[in-house]
Amino acid sequence: MVRLKQGITGFIYDSSNGTIKNITTIDVDMKTVKQMLDEDDVYITNQDADELFMFENEESLQNSYEKLYEVLEWVEA
């Protein structure tokens, strides 16, 4: 299972390109986040991370072509 790395509160993920667009390190108001989102963007928090990114193990996370290892870490369930 994965979760956000320590110090990261969320990130904006472009689902059409598979890229991380913005990383937040403080709690932000969802109204503010929505203003930053484009059509294909999703704001990912700890509540969403494991459900949206289903890695089987730490190695698969580290090999992610989307570089999700920059914002996510593997934890044993």
PDB file of N, CA and C in Angstrom:
ATOM      1  N   MET A   1       0.838  -1.166   0.000  1.00  0.00           N
ATOM      2  CA  MET A   1       0.000   0.000   0.000  1.00  0.00           C
ATOM      3  C   MET A   1       0.888   1.234   0.000  1.00  0.00           C
ATOM      4  N   VAL A   2       0.355   2.330  -0.503  1.00  0.00           N
ATOM      5  CA  VAL A   2       1.139   3.565  -0.564  1.00  0.00           C
ATOM      6  C   VAL A   2       0.449   4.679   0.215  1.00  0.00           C
ATOM      7  N   ARG A   3       1.258   5.644   0.605  1.00  0.00           N
ATOM      8  CA  ARG A   3       0.755   6.854   1.246  1.00  0.00           C
ATOM      9  C   ARG A   3       1.668   7.994   0.825  1.00  0.00           C
ATOM     10  N   LEU A   4       1.212   9.217   1.104  1.00  0.00           N
ATOM     11  CA  LEU A   4       2.027  10.382   0.799  1.00  0.00           C
ATOM     12  C   LEU A   4       3.266  10.390   1.684  1.00  0.00           C
ATOM     13  N   LYS A   5       4.378  10.851   1.127  1.00  0.00           N
ATOM     14  CA  LYS A   5       5.594  10.983   1.912  1.00  0.00           C
ATOM     15  C   LYS A   5       5.386  12.028   2.994  1.00  0.00           C
ATOM     16  N   GLN A   6       6.161  11.896   4.060  1.00  0.00           N
ATOM     17  CA  GLN A   6       6.069  12.834   5.170  1.00  0.00           C
ATOM     18  C   GLN A   6       6.328  14.252   4.664  1.00  0.00           C
ATOM     19  N   GLY A   7       5.505  15.182   5.112  1.00  0.00           N
ATOM     20  CA  GLY A   7       5.650  16.575   4.725  1.00  0.00           C
ATOM     21  C   GLY A   7       4.824  16.969   3.512  1.00  0.00           C
ATOM     22  N   ILE A   8       4.267  15.984   2.813  1.00  0.00           N
ATOM     23  CA  ILE A   8       3.423  16.261   1.650  1.00  0.00           C
ATOM     24  C   ILE A   8       1.969  16.085   2.054  1.00  0.00           C
ATOM     25  N   THR A   9       1.146  17.086   1.779  1.00  0.00           N
ATOM     26  CA  THR A   9      -0.274  17.011   2.143  1.00  0.00           C
ATOM     27  C   THR A   9      -1.147  16.626   0.958  1.00  0.00           C
ATOM     28  N   GLY A  10      -0.607  16.736  -0.245  1.00  0.00           N
ATOM     29  CA  GLY A  10      -1.345  16.375  -1.445  1.00  0.00           C
ATOM     30  C   GLY A  10      -0.570  16.757  -2.683  1.00  0.00           C
ATOM     31  N   PHE A  11      -1.090  16.338  -3.833  1.00  0.00           N
ATOM     32  CA  PHE A  11      -0.469  16.746  -5.088  1.00  0.00           C
ATOM     33  C   PHE A  11      -1.494  16.732  -6.202  1.00  0.00           C
ATOM     34  N   ILE A  12      -1.256  17.580  -7.188  1.00  0.00           N
ATOM     35  CA  ILE A  12      -2.118  17.630  -8.361  1.00  0.00           C
ATOM     36  C   ILE A  12      -1.514  16.714  -9.410  1.00  0.00           C
ATOM     37  N   TYR A  13      -2.334  15.775  -9.867  1.00  0.00           N
ATOM     38  CA  TYR A  13      -1.911  14.760 -10.820  1.00  0.00           C
ATOM     39  C   TYR A  13      -2.693  14.943 -12.115  1.00  0.00           C
ATOM     40  N   ASP A  14      -1.983  15.076 -13.216  1.00  0.00           N
ATOM     41  CA  ASP A  14      -2.608  15.186 -14.536  1.00  0.00           C
ATOM     42  C   ASP A  14      -2.869  13.770 -15.034  1.00  0.00           C
ATOM     43  N   SER A  15      -4.111  13.346 -14.993  1.00  0.00           N
ATOM     44  CA  SER A  15      -4.449  11.957 -15.323  1.00  0.00           C
ATOM     45  C   SER A  15      -4.304  11.641 -16.813  1.00  0.00           C
ATOM     46  N   SER A  16      -4.352  12.635 -17.668  1.00  0.00           N
ATOM     47  CA  SER A  16      -4.213  12.356 -19.100  1.00  0.00           C
ATOM     48  C   SER A  16      -2.752  12.174 -19.500  1.00  0.00           C
ATOM     49  N   ASN A  17      -1.848  12.878 -18.828  1.00  0.00           N
ATOM     50  CA  ASN A  17      -0.428  12.768 -19.159  1.00  0.00           C
ATOM     51  C   ASN A  17       0.356  11.934 -18.161  1.00  0.00           C
ATOM     52  N   GLY A  18      -0.253  11.594 -17.023  1.00  0.00           N
ATOM     53  CA  GLY A  18       0.437  10.816 -16.007  1.00  0.00           C
ATOM     54  C   GLY A  18       1.587  11.578 -15.375  1.00  0.00           C
ATOM     55  N   THR A  19       1.357  12.873 -15.096  1.00  0.00           N
ATOM     56  CA  THR A  19       2.420  13.690 -14.509  1.00  0.00           C
ATOM     57  C   THR A  19       1.948  14.370 -13.231  1.00  0.00           C
ATOM     58  N   ILE A  20       2.912  14.654 -12.377  1.00  0.00           N
ATOM     59  CA  ILE A  20       2.664  15.407 -11.156  1.00  0.00           C
ATOM     60  C   ILE A  20       2.858  16.873 -11.505  1.00  0.00           C
ATOM     61  N   LYS A  21       1.834  17.684 -11.297  1.00  0.00           N
ATOM     62  CA  LYS A  21       1.908  19.092 -11.680  1.00  0.00           C
ATOM     63  C   LYS A  21       2.263  20.019 -10.527  1.00  0.00           C
ATOM     64  N   ASN A  22       1.826  19.671  -9.324  1.00  0.00           N
ATOM     65  CA  ASN A  22       2.030  20.559  -8.190  1.00  0.00           C
ATOM     66  C   ASN A  22       1.976  19.723  -6.916  1.00  0.00           C
ATOM     67  N   ILE A  23       2.826  20.049  -5.955  1.00  0.00           N
ATOM     68  CA  ILE A  23       2.867  19.354  -4.670  1.00  0.00           C
ATOM     69  C   ILE A  23       2.553  20.353  -3.577  1.00  0.00           C
ATOM     70  N   THR A  24       1.666  19.980  -2.647  1.00  0.00           N
ATOM     71  CA  THR A  24       1.362  20.851  -1.515  1.00  0.00           C
ATOM     72  C   THR A  24       1.993  20.289  -0.249  1.00  0.00           C
ATOM     73  N   THR A  25       2.499  21.182   0.576  1.00  0.00           N
ATOM     74  CA  THR A  25       3.134  20.777   1.828  1.00  0.00           C
ATOM     75  C   THR A  25       2.442  21.386   3.040  1.00  0.00           C
ATOM     76  N   ILE A  26       1.362  22.111   2.776  1.00  0.00           N
ATOM     77  CA  ILE A  26       0.531  22.656   3.852  1.00  0.00           C
ATOM     78  C   ILE A  26      -0.918  22.300   3.533  1.00  0.00           C
ATOM     79  N   ASP A  27      -1.763  22.333   4.546  1.00  0.00           N
ATOM     80  CA  ASP A  27      -3.187  22.094   4.305  1.00  0.00           C
ATOM     81  C   ASP A  27      -3.742  23.240   3.472  1.00  0.00           C
ATOM     82  N   VAL A  28      -4.448  22.884   2.418  1.00  0.00           N
ATOM     83  CA  VAL A  28      -5.026  23.903   1.548  1.00  0.00           C
ATOM     84  C   VAL A  28      -6.530  23.718   1.471  1.00  0.00           C
ATOM     85  N   ASP A  29      -7.212  24.789   1.281  1.00  0.00           N
ATOM     86  CA  ASP A  29      -8.662  24.806   1.130  1.00  0.00           C
ATOM     87  C   ASP A  29      -9.015  24.207  -0.234  1.00  0.00           C
ATOM     88  N   MET A  30     -10.003  23.348  -0.279  1.00  0.00           N
ATOM     89  CA  MET A  30     -10.388  22.713  -1.551  1.00  0.00           C
ATOM     90  C   MET A  30     -10.855  23.741  -2.575  1.00  0.00           C
ATOM     91  N   LYS A  31     -11.374  24.867  -2.135  1.00  0.00           N
ATOM     92  CA  LYS A  31     -11.762  25.926  -3.062  1.00  0.00           C
ATOM     93  C   LYS A  31     -10.523  26.443  -3.800  1.00  0.00           C
ATOM     94  N   THR A  32      -9.437  26.601  -3.073  1.00  0.00           N
ATOM     95  CA  THR A  32      -8.177  27.035  -3.674  1.00  0.00           C
ATOM     96  C   THR A  32      -7.648  25.980  -4.633  1.00  0.00           C
ATOM     97  N   VAL A  33      -7.703  24.723  -4.219  1.00  0.00           N
ATOM     98  CA  VAL A  33      -7.217  23.634  -5.067  1.00  0.00           C
ATOM     99  C   VAL A  33      -8.018  23.580  -6.363  1.00  0.00           C
ATOM    100  N   LYS A  34      -9.320  23.690  -6.285  1.00  0.00           N
ATOM    101  CA  LYS A  34     -10.169  23.609  -7.477  1.00  0.00           C
ATOM    102  C   LYS A  34      -9.831  24.682  -8.496  1.00  0.00           C
ATOM    103  N   GLN A  35      -9.389  25.835  -8.029  1.00  0.00           N
ATOM    104  CA  GLN A  35      -8.993  26.903  -8.940  1.00  0.00           C
ATOM    105  C   GLN A  35      -7.712  26.560  -9.699  1.00  0.00           C
ATOM    106  N   MET A  36      -6.920  25.658  -9.156  1.00  0.00           N
ATOM    107  CA  MET A  36      -5.646  25.272  -9.767  1.00  0.00           C
ATOM    108  C   MET A  36      -5.795  24.092 -10.728  1.00  0.00           C
ATOM    109  N   LEU A  37      -6.940  23.423 -10.712  1.00  0.00           N
ATOM    110  CA  LEU A  37      -7.121  22.210 -11.496  1.00  0.00           C
ATOM    111  C   LEU A  37      -7.551  22.501 -12.924  1.00  0.00           C
ATOM    112  N   ASP A  38      -6.936  21.780 -13.858  1.00  0.00           N
ATOM    113  CA  ASP A  38      -7.386  21.778 -15.239  1.00  0.00           C
ATOM    114  C   ASP A  38      -8.344  20.603 -15.420  1.00  0.00           C
ATOM    115  N   GLU A  39      -8.867  20.425 -16.602  1.00  0.00           N
ATOM    116  CA  GLU A  39      -9.890  19.424 -16.878  1.00  0.00           C
ATOM    117  C   GLU A  39      -9.498  18.003 -16.464  1.00  0.00           C
ATOM    118  N   ASP A  40      -8.277  17.588 -16.736  1.00  0.00           N
ATOM    119  CA  ASP A  40      -7.847  16.213 -16.465  1.00  0.00           C
ATOM    120  C   ASP A  40      -7.099  16.063 -15.148  1.00  0.00           C
ATOM    121  N   ASP A  41      -7.077  17.097 -14.326  1.00  0.00           N
ATOM    122  CA  ASP A  41      -6.332  17.065 -13.072  1.00  0.00           C
ATOM    123  C   ASP A  41      -7.156  16.487 -11.933  1.00  0.00           C
ATOM    124  N   VAL A  42      -6.438  15.870 -11.005  1.00  0.00           N
ATOM    125  CA  VAL A  42      -7.037  15.328  -9.790  1.00  0.00           C
ATOM    126  C   VAL A  42      -6.133  15.728  -8.631  1.00  0.00           C
ATOM    127  N   TYR A  43      -6.735  16.158  -7.530  1.00  0.00           N
ATOM    128  CA  TYR A  43      -5.958  16.456  -6.330  1.00  0.00           C
ATOM    129  C   TYR A  43      -5.941  15.208  -5.467  1.00  0.00           C
ATOM    130  N   ILE A  44      -4.750  14.687  -5.218  1.00  0.00           N
ATOM    131  CA  ILE A  44      -4.580  13.434  -4.486  1.00  0.00           C
ATOM    132  C   ILE A  44      -4.162  13.724  -3.048  1.00  0.00           C
ATOM    133  N   THR A  45      -4.864  13.105  -2.104  1.00  0.00           N
ATOM    134  CA  THR A  45      -4.508  13.185  -0.686  1.00  0.00           C
ATOM    135  C   THR A  45      -4.255  11.768  -0.193  1.00  0.00           C
ATOM    136  N   ASN A  46      -3.891  11.636   1.071  1.00  0.00           N
ATOM    137  CA  ASN A  46      -3.665  10.299   1.623  1.00  0.00           C
ATOM    138  C   ASN A  46      -4.898   9.416   1.507  1.00  0.00           C
ATOM    139  N   GLN A  47      -6.077  10.012   1.595  1.00  0.00           N
ATOM    140  CA  GLN A  47      -7.306   9.234   1.504  1.00  0.00           C
ATOM    141  C   GLN A  47      -7.447   8.580   0.132  1.00  0.00           C
ATOM    142  N   ASP A  48      -6.903   9.217  -0.900  1.00  0.00           N
ATOM    143  CA  ASP A  48      -7.059   8.744  -2.273  1.00  0.00           C
ATOM    144  C   ASP A  48      -5.893   7.914  -2.782  1.00  0.00           C
ATOM    145  N   ALA A  49      -4.722   8.142  -2.252  1.00  0.00           N
ATOM    146  CA  ALA A  49      -3.488   7.605  -2.839  1.00  0.00           C
ATOM    147  C   ALA A  49      -3.530   6.090  -3.054  1.00  0.00           C
ATOM    148  N   ASP A  50      -3.844   5.343  -2.029  1.00  0.00           N
ATOM    149  CA  ASP A  50      -3.800   3.890  -2.162  1.00  0.00           C
ATOM    150  C   ASP A  50      -4.909   3.346  -3.050  1.00  0.00           C
ATOM    151  N   GLU A  51      -6.047   4.016  -3.073  1.00  0.00           N
ATOM    152  CA  GLU A  51      -7.154   3.558  -3.910  1.00  0.00           C
ATOM    153  C   GLU A  51      -6.893   3.824  -5.396  1.00  0.00           C
ATOM    154  N   LEU A  52      -6.238   4.937  -5.701  1.00  0.00           N
ATOM    155  CA  LEU A  52      -6.019   5.313  -7.094  1.00  0.00           C
ATOM    156  C   LEU A  52      -4.762   4.697  -7.703  1.00  0.00           C
ATOM    157  N   PHE A  53      -3.747   4.482  -6.896  1.00  0.00           N
ATOM    158  CA  PHE A  53      -2.488   3.937  -7.391  1.00  0.00           C
ATOM    159  C   PHE A  53      -2.243   2.592  -6.728  1.00  0.00           C
ATOM    160  N   MET A  54      -2.531   1.537  -7.458  1.00  0.00           N
ATOM    161  CA  MET A  54      -2.475   0.199  -6.893  1.00  0.00           C
ATOM    162  C   MET A  54      -1.154  -0.486  -7.244  1.00  0.00           C
ATOM    163  N   PHE A  55      -0.146  -0.203  -6.440  1.00  0.00           N
ATOM    164  CA  PHE A  55       1.148  -0.844  -6.616  1.00  0.00           C
ATOM    165  C   PHE A  55       1.172  -2.141  -5.825  1.00  0.00           C
ATOM    166  N   GLU A  56       1.820  -3.146  -6.395  1.00  0.00           N
ATOM    167  CA  GLU A  56       1.874  -4.449  -5.741  1.00  0.00           C
ATOM    168  C   GLU A  56       2.967  -4.531  -4.692  1.00  0.00           C
ATOM    169  N   ASN A  57       4.028  -3.724  -4.878  1.00  0.00           N
ATOM    170  CA  ASN A  57       5.152  -3.754  -3.957  1.00  0.00           C
ATOM    171  C   ASN A  57       5.978  -2.479  -4.126  1.00  0.00           C
ATOM    172  N   GLU A  58       6.994  -2.338  -3.293  1.00  0.00           N
ATOM    173  CA  GLU A  58       7.830  -1.138  -3.328  1.00  0.00           C
ATOM    174  C   GLU A  58       8.574  -1.012  -4.655  1.00  0.00           C
ATOM    175  N   GLU A  59       8.996  -2.133  -5.195  1.00  0.00           N
ATOM    176  CA  GLU A  59       9.728  -2.106  -6.468  1.00  0.00           C
ATOM    177  C   GLU A  59       8.867  -1.537  -7.600  1.00  0.00           C
ATOM    178  N   SER A  60       7.606  -1.926  -7.653  1.00  0.00           N
ATOM    179  CA  SER A  60       6.733  -1.402  -8.705  1.00  0.00           C
ATOM    180  C   SER A  60       6.521   0.108  -8.544  1.00  0.00           C
ATOM    181  N   LEU A  61       6.480   0.595  -7.308  1.00  0.00           N
ATOM    182  CA  LEU A  61       6.386   2.041  -7.078  1.00  0.00           C
ATOM    183  C   LEU A  61       7.653   2.733  -7.564  1.00  0.00           C
ATOM    184  N   GLN A  62       8.807   2.193  -7.224  1.00  0.00           N
ATOM    185  CA  GLN A  62      10.076   2.797  -7.626  1.00  0.00           C
ATOM    186  C   GLN A  62      10.266   2.797  -9.141  1.00  0.00           C
ATOM    187  N   ASN A  63       9.639   1.865  -9.835  1.00  0.00           N
ATOM    188  CA  ASN A  63       9.755   1.770 -11.291  1.00  0.00           C
ATOM    189  C   ASN A  63       8.641   2.519 -12.018  1.00  0.00           C
ATOM    190  N   SER A  64       7.851   3.281 -11.301  1.00  0.00           N
ATOM    191  CA  SER A  64       6.728   4.013 -11.882  1.00  0.00           C
ATOM    192  C   SER A  64       7.224   5.028 -12.905  1.00  0.00           C
ATOM    193  N   TYR A  65       6.746   4.920 -14.148  1.00  0.00           N
ATOM    194  CA  TYR A  65       7.156   5.871 -15.186  1.00  0.00           C
ATOM    195  C   TYR A  65       6.633   7.272 -14.898  1.00  0.00           C
ATOM    196  N   GLU A  66       5.626   7.383 -14.051  1.00  0.00           N
ATOM    197  CA  GLU A  66       5.054   8.677 -13.688  1.00  0.00           C
ATOM    198  C   GLU A  66       5.850   9.369 -12.588  1.00  0.00           C
ATOM    199  N   LYS A  67       6.867   8.696 -12.085  1.00  0.00           N
ATOM    200  CA  LYS A  67       7.716   9.211 -10.996  1.00  0.00           C
ATOM    201  C   LYS A  67       6.915   9.465  -9.719  1.00  0.00           C
ATOM    202  N   LEU A  68       5.926   8.615  -9.475  1.00  0.00           N
ATOM    203  CA  LEU A  68       5.108   8.771  -8.270  1.00  0.00           C
ATOM    204  C   LEU A  68       5.902   8.522  -6.989  1.00  0.00           C
ATOM    205  N   TYR A  69       7.071   7.896  -7.108  1.00  0.00           N
ATOM    206  CA  TYR A  69       7.937   7.674  -5.951  1.00  0.00           C
ATOM    207  C   TYR A  69       8.437   8.998  -5.366  1.00  0.00           C
ATOM    208  N   GLU A  70       8.294  10.087  -6.111  1.00  0.00           N
ATOM    209  CA  GLU A  70       8.678  11.402  -5.591  1.00  0.00           C
ATOM    210  C   GLU A  70       7.714  11.893  -4.515  1.00  0.00           C
ATOM    211  N   VAL A  71       6.472  11.441  -4.560  1.00  0.00           N
ATOM    212  CA  VAL A  71       5.460  11.910  -3.608  1.00  0.00           C
ATOM    213  C   VAL A  71       4.855  10.792  -2.758  1.00  0.00           C
ATOM    214  N   LEU A  72       5.029   9.549  -3.177  1.00  0.00           N
ATOM    215  CA  LEU A  72       4.443   8.408  -2.471  1.00  0.00           C
ATOM    216  C   LEU A  72       5.530   7.520  -1.898  1.00  0.00           C
ATOM    217  N   GLU A  73       5.186   6.825  -0.807  1.00  0.00           N
ATOM    218  CA  GLU A  73       6.102   5.836  -0.242  1.00  0.00           C
ATOM    219  C   GLU A  73       5.327   4.551   0.026  1.00  0.00           C
ATOM    220  N   TRP A  74       6.025   3.449  -0.061  1.00  0.00           N
ATOM    221  CA  TRP A  74       5.433   2.130   0.172  1.00  0.00           C
ATOM    222  C   TRP A  74       5.398   1.850   1.672  1.00  0.00           C
ATOM    223  N   VAL A  75       4.284   1.358   2.145  1.00  0.00           N
ATOM    224  CA  VAL A  75       4.143   0.929   3.539  1.00  0.00           C
ATOM    225  C   VAL A  75       3.480  -0.436   3.551  1.00  0.00           C
ATOM    226  N   GLU A  76       3.899  -1.256   4.487  1.00  0.00           N
ATOM    227  CA  GLU A  76       3.270  -2.562   4.626  1.00  0.00           C
ATOM    228  C   GLU A  76       1.894  -2.390   5.246  1.00  0.00           C
ATOM    229  N   ALA A  77       0.944  -3.125   4.742  1.00  0.00           N
ATOM    230  CA  ALA A  77      -0.447  -3.012   5.224  1.00  0.00           C
ATOM    231  C   ALA A  77      -0.590  -3.550   6.631  1.00  0.00           C
TER     232      ALA A  77
END
